[in-house]
Amino acid sequence: MVTTDRHVTRPGWTFWLIAVLAVLWNAFGCLDFTMTASRNPTYLSQVPPEIIDWLDSAPSWTLVPWALGVWGGLAGSLLLLARSGLAVPAFAVSLVGLAVSQAWQFSAGMPESMTTPGMLAMTACIWVIALGLLWFAWDKRRAGVLH
């Protein structure tokens, strides 16, 4: 019989609420990525033409950090639900993907419609949530909720 010194703490209802909301939030990011990358005409019908043109001119490598950002976030969220400590590195990968993706976006002459106060607020919201989920997973791993 193998014994460990690890103490496993039972998560409270707020843990489960945050984990489920994280899955929903990140699943939408994955949906957005998939529909945009596949150029789904119905999904993109409401996107201004200058954004479509800008997306079409993007180098193909820009899909990689975007994919790491959204799929890493979903993986981290699902790992939270599984109470796995691997949620921490998954959220870290997601943040790296987000940083590289947005560094390119802001240096690549985004269309004006992507730099409105509402769009910039959404960008800030994405960063706050991504950083918050990384901190949350790290804190719960440290507290013994994740194993």
N, C-alpha and C. Protein backbone atom coordinates (compact mmCIF):
# COMPACT_ATOMS: atom_id res chain seq x y z
N MET A 1 0.84 -1.18 0.00
CA MET A 1 0.00 0.00 0.00
C MET A 1 0.89 1.24 0.00
N VAL A 2 0.57 2.18 -0.88
CA VAL A 2 1.32 3.42 -0.99
C VAL A 2 0.58 4.50 -0.23
N THR A 3 1.31 5.23 0.57
CA THR A 3 0.70 6.36 1.28
C THR A 3 1.39 7.63 0.85
N THR A 4 0.67 8.71 0.95
CA THR A 4 1.24 10.01 0.61
C THR A 4 0.94 10.98 1.74
N ASP A 5 1.69 12.05 1.74
CA ASP A 5 1.46 13.09 2.74
C ASP A 5 0.50 14.16 2.23
N ARG A 6 -0.02 13.96 1.05
CA ARG A 6 -0.91 14.94 0.45
C ARG A 6 -2.24 14.97 1.17
N HIS A 7 -2.69 16.15 1.43
CA HIS A 7 -4.00 16.35 2.01
C HIS A 7 -4.92 16.83 0.90
N VAL A 8 -6.00 16.13 0.67
CA VAL A 8 -6.94 16.52 -0.37
C VAL A 8 -8.12 17.22 0.29
N THR A 9 -8.38 18.43 -0.15
CA THR A 9 -9.45 19.25 0.38
C THR A 9 -10.66 19.17 -0.54
N ARG A 10 -11.81 19.02 0.05
CA ARG A 10 -13.04 18.99 -0.75
C ARG A 10 -13.38 20.40 -1.21
N PRO A 11 -13.70 20.56 -2.49
CA PRO A 11 -14.05 21.90 -2.97
C PRO A 11 -15.46 22.29 -2.54
N GLY A 12 -15.65 23.58 -2.34
CA GLY A 12 -16.97 24.11 -2.02
C GLY A 12 -17.76 24.39 -3.29
N TRP A 13 -18.99 24.86 -3.12
CA TRP A 13 -19.86 25.11 -4.26
C TRP A 13 -19.30 26.20 -5.16
N THR A 14 -18.56 27.17 -4.62
CA THR A 14 -18.01 28.23 -5.46
C THR A 14 -16.96 27.69 -6.43
N PHE A 15 -16.21 26.68 -6.00
CA PHE A 15 -15.25 26.04 -6.90
C PHE A 15 -15.98 25.48 -8.11
N TRP A 16 -17.05 24.74 -7.88
CA TRP A 16 -17.79 24.11 -8.97
C TRP A 16 -18.44 25.16 -9.87
N LEU A 17 -18.96 26.22 -9.27
CA LEU A 17 -19.57 27.29 -10.06
C LEU A 17 -18.53 27.94 -10.98
N ILE A 18 -17.37 28.27 -10.43
CA ILE A 18 -16.31 28.89 -11.23
C ILE A 18 -15.84 27.93 -12.32
N ALA A 19 -15.67 26.65 -11.99
CA ALA A 19 -15.21 25.68 -12.98
C ALA A 19 -16.21 25.52 -14.13
N VAL A 20 -17.49 25.45 -13.81
CA VAL A 20 -18.51 25.31 -14.85
C VAL A 20 -18.57 26.57 -15.71
N LEU A 21 -18.54 27.75 -15.07
CA LEU A 21 -18.55 29.00 -15.83
C LEU A 21 -17.30 29.11 -16.71
N ALA A 22 -16.17 28.63 -16.21
CA ALA A 22 -14.93 28.66 -16.99
C ALA A 22 -15.06 27.78 -18.23
N VAL A 23 -15.68 26.61 -18.08
CA VAL A 23 -15.89 25.73 -19.24
C VAL A 23 -16.76 26.44 -20.28
N LEU A 24 -17.85 27.05 -19.83
CA LEU A 24 -18.75 27.73 -20.76
C LEU A 24 -18.04 28.89 -21.46
N TRP A 25 -17.31 29.71 -20.71
CA TRP A 25 -16.59 30.86 -21.26
C TRP A 25 -15.57 30.39 -22.30
N ASN A 26 -14.77 29.42 -21.94
CA ASN A 26 -13.72 28.95 -22.85
C ASN A 26 -14.28 28.14 -24.02
N ALA A 27 -15.40 27.47 -23.82
CA ALA A 27 -16.03 26.76 -24.94
C ALA A 27 -16.49 27.76 -25.99
N PHE A 28 -16.97 28.92 -25.55
CA PHE A 28 -17.35 29.94 -26.53
C PHE A 28 -16.13 30.42 -27.30
N GLY A 29 -14.99 30.59 -26.61
CA GLY A 29 -13.76 30.98 -27.30
C GLY A 29 -13.37 29.96 -28.36
N CYS A 30 -13.54 28.69 -28.04
CA CYS A 30 -13.22 27.62 -29.00
C CYS A 30 -14.20 27.64 -30.18
N LEU A 31 -15.47 27.91 -29.89
CA LEU A 31 -16.46 28.02 -30.96
C LEU A 31 -16.10 29.18 -31.87
N ASP A 32 -15.77 30.33 -31.29
CA ASP A 32 -15.39 31.50 -32.08
C ASP A 32 -14.18 31.19 -32.96
N PHE A 33 -13.18 30.57 -32.36
CA PHE A 33 -11.99 30.20 -33.13
C PHE A 33 -12.35 29.28 -34.29
N THR A 34 -13.11 28.23 -34.02
CA THR A 34 -13.45 27.24 -35.04
C THR A 34 -14.27 27.86 -36.17
N MET A 35 -15.26 28.64 -35.81
CA MET A 35 -16.12 29.25 -36.83
C MET A 35 -15.35 30.30 -37.65
N THR A 36 -14.47 31.04 -36.99
CA THR A 36 -13.70 32.05 -37.71
C THR A 36 -12.62 31.40 -38.57
N ALA A 37 -11.89 30.45 -38.01
CA ALA A 37 -10.81 29.80 -38.76
C ALA A 37 -11.35 29.01 -39.96
N SER A 38 -12.55 28.46 -39.82
CA SER A 38 -13.15 27.72 -40.93
C SER A 38 -13.93 28.64 -41.87
N ARG A 39 -13.97 29.92 -41.53
CA ARG A 39 -14.66 30.95 -42.32
C ARG A 39 -16.13 30.58 -42.55
N ASN A 40 -16.79 30.17 -41.48
CA ASN A 40 -18.21 29.83 -41.55
C ASN A 40 -19.00 31.06 -41.98
N PRO A 41 -19.66 31.02 -43.14
CA PRO A 41 -20.33 32.21 -43.65
C PRO A 41 -21.47 32.73 -42.77
N THR A 42 -22.22 31.84 -42.18
CA THR A 42 -23.32 32.27 -41.31
C THR A 42 -22.77 32.98 -40.08
N TYR A 43 -21.76 32.38 -39.46
CA TYR A 43 -21.18 32.95 -38.25
C TYR A 43 -20.54 34.31 -38.54
N LEU A 44 -19.89 34.43 -39.67
CA LEU A 44 -19.17 35.67 -39.99
C LEU A 44 -20.03 36.71 -40.70
N SER A 45 -21.29 36.42 -40.93
CA SER A 45 -22.15 37.35 -41.68
C SER A 45 -22.31 38.71 -41.00
N GLN A 46 -22.15 38.76 -39.70
CA GLN A 46 -22.30 40.03 -38.97
C GLN A 46 -20.96 40.75 -38.74
N VAL A 47 -19.87 40.15 -39.18
CA VAL A 47 -18.54 40.75 -39.00
C VAL A 47 -18.29 41.75 -40.12
N PRO A 48 -17.84 42.96 -39.76
CA PRO A 48 -17.58 43.96 -40.80
C PRO A 48 -16.56 43.47 -41.84
N PRO A 49 -16.75 43.85 -43.09
CA PRO A 49 -15.86 43.39 -44.17
C PRO A 49 -14.38 43.72 -43.93
N GLU A 50 -14.08 44.86 -43.32
CA GLU A 50 -12.67 45.20 -43.09
C GLU A 50 -12.00 44.23 -42.10
N ILE A 51 -12.78 43.67 -41.19
CA ILE A 51 -12.22 42.67 -40.27
C ILE A 51 -11.98 41.36 -41.03
N ILE A 52 -12.92 40.98 -41.88
CA ILE A 52 -12.74 39.76 -42.68
C ILE A 52 -11.49 39.90 -43.56
N ASP A 53 -11.33 41.05 -44.20
CA ASP A 53 -10.15 41.28 -45.04
C ASP A 53 -8.88 41.20 -44.21
N TRP A 54 -8.91 41.78 -43.01
CA TRP A 54 -7.74 41.75 -42.12
C TRP A 54 -7.42 40.32 -41.70
N LEU A 55 -8.46 39.56 -41.35
CA LEU A 55 -8.25 38.16 -40.98
C LEU A 55 -7.68 37.36 -42.15
N ASP A 56 -8.20 37.62 -43.34
CA ASP A 56 -7.73 36.90 -44.52
C ASP A 56 -6.28 37.22 -44.85
N SER A 57 -5.81 38.39 -44.45
CA SER A 57 -4.43 38.77 -44.74
C SER A 57 -3.45 38.33 -43.65
N ALA A 58 -3.97 37.77 -42.58
CA ALA A 58 -3.11 37.35 -41.47
C ALA A 58 -2.25 36.16 -41.88
N PRO A 59 -0.99 36.14 -41.43
CA PRO A 59 -0.15 34.97 -41.71
C PRO A 59 -0.75 33.72 -41.05
N SER A 60 -0.57 32.58 -41.68
CA SER A 60 -1.18 31.35 -41.16
C SER A 60 -0.67 30.98 -39.77
N TRP A 61 0.57 31.37 -39.42
CA TRP A 61 1.10 31.02 -38.10
C TRP A 61 0.29 31.64 -36.97
N THR A 62 -0.47 32.72 -37.26
CA THR A 62 -1.22 33.39 -36.18
C THR A 62 -2.34 32.52 -35.63
N LEU A 63 -2.72 31.47 -36.38
CA LEU A 63 -3.74 30.55 -35.86
C LEU A 63 -3.20 29.74 -34.68
N VAL A 64 -1.90 29.48 -34.65
CA VAL A 64 -1.32 28.63 -33.61
C VAL A 64 -1.46 29.26 -32.22
N PRO A 65 -1.00 30.50 -31.99
CA PRO A 65 -1.18 31.05 -30.65
C PRO A 65 -2.65 31.26 -30.28
N TRP A 66 -3.47 31.60 -31.27
CA TRP A 66 -4.90 31.76 -30.99
C TRP A 66 -5.48 30.42 -30.54
N ALA A 67 -5.13 29.34 -31.23
CA ALA A 67 -5.61 28.01 -30.85
C ALA A 67 -5.10 27.62 -29.46
N LEU A 68 -3.82 27.89 -29.19
CA LEU A 68 -3.29 27.59 -27.85
C LEU A 68 -4.04 28.37 -26.78
N GLY A 69 -4.37 29.61 -27.09
CA GLY A 69 -5.10 30.43 -26.12
C GLY A 69 -6.47 29.87 -25.78
N VAL A 70 -7.25 29.60 -26.80
CA VAL A 70 -8.63 29.16 -26.53
C VAL A 70 -8.71 27.70 -26.11
N TRP A 71 -7.98 26.82 -26.80
CA TRP A 71 -8.06 25.39 -26.44
C TRP A 71 -7.33 25.12 -25.13
N GLY A 72 -6.25 25.88 -24.85
CA GLY A 72 -5.60 25.76 -23.55
C GLY A 72 -6.52 26.17 -22.42
N GLY A 73 -7.31 27.23 -22.66
CA GLY A 73 -8.29 27.67 -21.65
C GLY A 73 -9.37 26.64 -21.42
N LEU A 74 -9.85 26.02 -22.50
CA LEU A 74 -10.87 24.98 -22.34
C LEU A 74 -10.28 23.76 -21.62
N ALA A 75 -9.06 23.38 -22.00
CA ALA A 75 -8.42 22.24 -21.33
C ALA A 75 -8.25 22.54 -19.84
N GLY A 76 -7.79 23.75 -19.52
CA GLY A 76 -7.64 24.12 -18.11
C GLY A 76 -8.95 24.05 -17.36
N SER A 77 -10.01 24.51 -17.99
CA SER A 77 -11.33 24.48 -17.35
C SER A 77 -11.82 23.06 -17.12
N LEU A 78 -11.64 22.20 -18.12
CA LEU A 78 -12.04 20.80 -17.95
C LEU A 78 -11.18 20.11 -16.89
N LEU A 79 -9.90 20.48 -16.84
CA LEU A 79 -9.02 19.92 -15.81
C LEU A 79 -9.42 20.41 -14.41
N LEU A 80 -9.94 21.64 -14.32
CA LEU A 80 -10.50 22.10 -13.04
C LEU A 80 -11.64 21.18 -12.62
N LEU A 81 -12.54 20.90 -13.55
CA LEU A 81 -13.67 20.02 -13.23
C LEU A 81 -13.19 18.64 -12.78
N ALA A 82 -12.08 18.19 -13.36
CA ALA A 82 -11.51 16.90 -12.97
C ALA A 82 -10.66 16.99 -11.71
N ARG A 83 -10.53 18.21 -11.19
CA ARG A 83 -9.72 18.50 -10.00
C ARG A 83 -8.27 18.09 -10.20
N SER A 84 -7.76 18.33 -11.40
CA SER A 84 -6.39 18.00 -11.73
C SER A 84 -5.49 19.23 -11.61
N GLY A 85 -4.33 19.05 -11.01
CA GLY A 85 -3.35 20.11 -10.91
C GLY A 85 -2.80 20.52 -12.27
N LEU A 86 -3.04 19.72 -13.31
CA LEU A 86 -2.60 20.08 -14.66
C LEU A 86 -3.37 21.28 -15.20
N ALA A 87 -4.41 21.70 -14.49
CA ALA A 87 -5.13 22.91 -14.90
C ALA A 87 -4.19 24.12 -14.89
N VAL A 88 -3.25 24.15 -13.97
CA VAL A 88 -2.34 25.29 -13.86
C VAL A 88 -1.50 25.43 -15.13
N PRO A 89 -0.76 24.40 -15.57
CA PRO A 89 0.01 24.59 -16.81
C PRO A 89 -0.89 24.81 -18.03
N ALA A 90 -2.08 24.23 -18.05
CA ALA A 90 -2.98 24.46 -19.19
C ALA A 90 -3.38 25.93 -19.27
N PHE A 91 -3.71 26.53 -18.13
CA PHE A 91 -4.04 27.95 -18.13
C PHE A 91 -2.82 28.80 -18.45
N ALA A 92 -1.63 28.38 -18.05
CA ALA A 92 -0.41 29.10 -18.39
C ALA A 92 -0.18 29.08 -19.90
N VAL A 93 -0.37 27.93 -20.53
CA VAL A 93 -0.25 27.84 -21.99
C VAL A 93 -1.26 28.75 -22.66
N SER A 94 -2.46 28.76 -22.13
CA SER A 94 -3.50 29.62 -22.67
C SER A 94 -3.08 31.09 -22.62
N LEU A 95 -2.49 31.50 -21.52
CA LEU A 95 -2.03 32.89 -21.40
C LEU A 95 -0.92 33.21 -22.38
N VAL A 96 -0.01 32.29 -22.59
CA VAL A 96 1.06 32.51 -23.57
C VAL A 96 0.45 32.68 -24.95
N GLY A 97 -0.49 31.81 -25.30
CA GLY A 97 -1.16 31.93 -26.59
C GLY A 97 -1.88 33.25 -26.73
N LEU A 98 -2.56 33.68 -25.69
CA LEU A 98 -3.26 34.96 -25.70
C LEU A 98 -2.27 36.11 -25.90
N ALA A 99 -1.16 36.07 -25.17
CA ALA A 99 -0.17 37.15 -25.26
C ALA A 99 0.42 37.25 -26.67
N VAL A 100 0.81 36.13 -27.24
CA VAL A 100 1.41 36.15 -28.58
C VAL A 100 0.37 36.58 -29.61
N SER A 101 -0.82 36.06 -29.50
CA SER A 101 -1.88 36.40 -30.44
C SER A 101 -2.19 37.90 -30.39
N GLN A 102 -2.33 38.43 -29.19
CA GLN A 102 -2.68 39.84 -29.09
C GLN A 102 -1.50 40.76 -29.39
N ALA A 103 -0.29 40.32 -29.12
CA ALA A 103 0.88 41.11 -29.51
C ALA A 103 0.88 41.28 -31.03
N TRP A 104 0.60 40.18 -31.75
CA TRP A 104 0.54 40.29 -33.20
C TRP A 104 -0.60 41.21 -33.62
N GLN A 105 -1.79 41.01 -33.03
CA GLN A 105 -2.95 41.81 -33.42
C GLN A 105 -2.68 43.30 -33.28
N PHE A 106 -2.13 43.70 -32.14
CA PHE A 106 -1.92 45.12 -31.89
C PHE A 106 -0.77 45.69 -32.70
N SER A 107 0.10 44.84 -33.22
CA SER A 107 1.20 45.33 -34.04
C SER A 107 0.91 45.20 -35.53
N ALA A 108 -0.22 44.61 -35.89
CA ALA A 108 -0.52 44.32 -37.29
C ALA A 108 -1.55 45.27 -37.90
N GLY A 109 -1.74 46.41 -37.28
CA GLY A 109 -2.66 47.39 -37.85
C GLY A 109 -4.10 46.91 -37.90
N MET A 110 -4.65 46.61 -36.74
CA MET A 110 -6.05 46.16 -36.67
C MET A 110 -6.97 47.23 -37.26
N PRO A 111 -8.06 46.81 -37.88
CA PRO A 111 -9.05 47.78 -38.35
C PRO A 111 -9.61 48.60 -37.18
N GLU A 112 -10.04 49.81 -37.49
CA GLU A 112 -10.58 50.69 -36.44
C GLU A 112 -11.75 50.07 -35.70
N SER A 113 -12.53 49.25 -36.39
CA SER A 113 -13.69 48.63 -35.73
C SER A 113 -13.29 47.63 -34.65
N MET A 114 -12.01 47.27 -34.62
CA MET A 114 -11.52 46.37 -33.57
C MET A 114 -10.86 47.12 -32.42
N THR A 115 -10.79 48.43 -32.53
CA THR A 115 -10.16 49.22 -31.47
C THR A 115 -11.14 50.20 -30.84
N THR A 116 -12.42 49.93 -30.94
CA THR A 116 -13.42 50.75 -30.29
C THR A 116 -13.34 50.53 -28.78
N PRO A 117 -13.87 51.44 -27.99
CA PRO A 117 -13.86 51.23 -26.53
C PRO A 117 -14.50 49.91 -26.12
N GLY A 118 -15.56 49.50 -26.78
CA GLY A 118 -16.22 48.22 -26.45
C GLY A 118 -15.33 47.03 -26.74
N MET A 119 -14.65 47.07 -27.88
CA MET A 119 -13.75 45.96 -28.23
C MET A 119 -12.54 45.92 -27.30
N LEU A 120 -12.03 47.08 -26.94
CA LEU A 120 -10.89 47.12 -26.01
C LEU A 120 -11.31 46.66 -24.63
N ALA A 121 -12.54 46.98 -24.24
CA ALA A 121 -13.05 46.50 -22.95
C ALA A 121 -13.18 44.98 -22.96
N MET A 122 -13.60 44.42 -24.10
CA MET A 122 -13.70 42.97 -24.22
C MET A 122 -12.31 42.34 -24.11
N THR A 123 -11.31 42.96 -24.74
CA THR A 123 -9.94 42.47 -24.65
C THR A 123 -9.48 42.47 -23.19
N ALA A 124 -9.77 43.56 -22.48
CA ALA A 124 -9.40 43.64 -21.06
C ALA A 124 -10.12 42.57 -20.25
N CYS A 125 -11.37 42.32 -20.57
CA CYS A 125 -12.16 41.29 -19.88
C CYS A 125 -11.54 39.91 -20.09
N ILE A 126 -11.12 39.63 -21.32
CA ILE A 126 -10.49 38.34 -21.62
C ILE A 126 -9.23 38.17 -20.77
N TRP A 127 -8.41 39.23 -20.69
CA TRP A 127 -7.19 39.16 -19.89
C TRP A 127 -7.49 38.96 -18.41
N VAL A 128 -8.47 39.68 -17.89
CA VAL A 128 -8.81 39.55 -16.46
C VAL A 128 -9.28 38.13 -16.16
N ILE A 129 -10.12 37.58 -17.01
CA ILE A 129 -10.63 36.22 -16.77
C ILE A 129 -9.50 35.20 -16.91
N ALA A 130 -8.66 35.33 -17.93
CA ALA A 130 -7.57 34.38 -18.13
C ALA A 130 -6.59 34.41 -16.96
N LEU A 131 -6.22 35.60 -16.52
CA LEU A 131 -5.32 35.71 -15.36
C LEU A 131 -6.00 35.20 -14.10
N GLY A 132 -7.28 35.51 -13.97
CA GLY A 132 -8.02 35.05 -12.79
C GLY A 132 -8.13 33.54 -12.73
N LEU A 133 -8.34 32.89 -13.87
CA LEU A 133 -8.43 31.43 -13.88
C LEU A 133 -7.08 30.79 -13.57
N LEU A 134 -6.00 31.37 -14.07
CA LEU A 134 -4.68 30.84 -13.73
C LEU A 134 -4.44 30.96 -12.23
N TRP A 135 -4.73 32.13 -11.68
CA TRP A 135 -4.55 32.33 -10.24
C TRP A 135 -5.44 31.37 -9.45
N PHE A 136 -6.70 31.22 -9.87
CA PHE A 136 -7.65 30.35 -9.17
C PHE A 136 -7.13 28.91 -9.14
N ALA A 137 -6.68 28.42 -10.30
CA ALA A 137 -6.17 27.04 -10.37
C ALA A 137 -4.92 26.89 -9.51
N TRP A 138 -4.02 27.86 -9.57
CA TRP A 138 -2.80 27.80 -8.76
C TRP A 138 -3.16 27.78 -7.28
N ASP A 139 -4.08 28.65 -6.87
CA ASP A 139 -4.49 28.73 -5.47
C ASP A 139 -5.14 27.43 -5.01
N LYS A 140 -5.99 26.85 -5.86
CA LYS A 140 -6.67 25.60 -5.48
C LYS A 140 -5.70 24.42 -5.46
N ARG A 141 -4.70 24.45 -6.32
CA ARG A 141 -3.68 23.39 -6.25
C ARG A 141 -2.90 23.51 -4.97
N ARG A 142 -2.52 24.73 -4.61
CA ARG A 142 -1.78 24.99 -3.37
C ARG A 142 -2.60 24.59 -2.14
N ALA A 143 -3.90 24.80 -2.21
CA ALA A 143 -4.79 24.48 -1.09
C ALA A 143 -5.15 23.00 -1.01
N GLY A 144 -4.73 22.21 -1.99
CA GLY A 144 -5.01 20.78 -1.96
C GLY A 144 -6.32 20.38 -2.59
N VAL A 145 -7.01 21.31 -3.24
CA VAL A 145 -8.26 20.98 -3.91
C VAL A 145 -7.98 20.25 -5.22
N LEU A 146 -6.90 20.63 -5.89
CA LEU A 146 -6.48 19.95 -7.12
C LEU A 146 -5.35 19.00 -6.79
N HIS A 147 -5.31 17.89 -7.46
CA HIS A 147 -4.28 16.89 -7.19
C HIS A 147 -3.57 16.50 -8.47
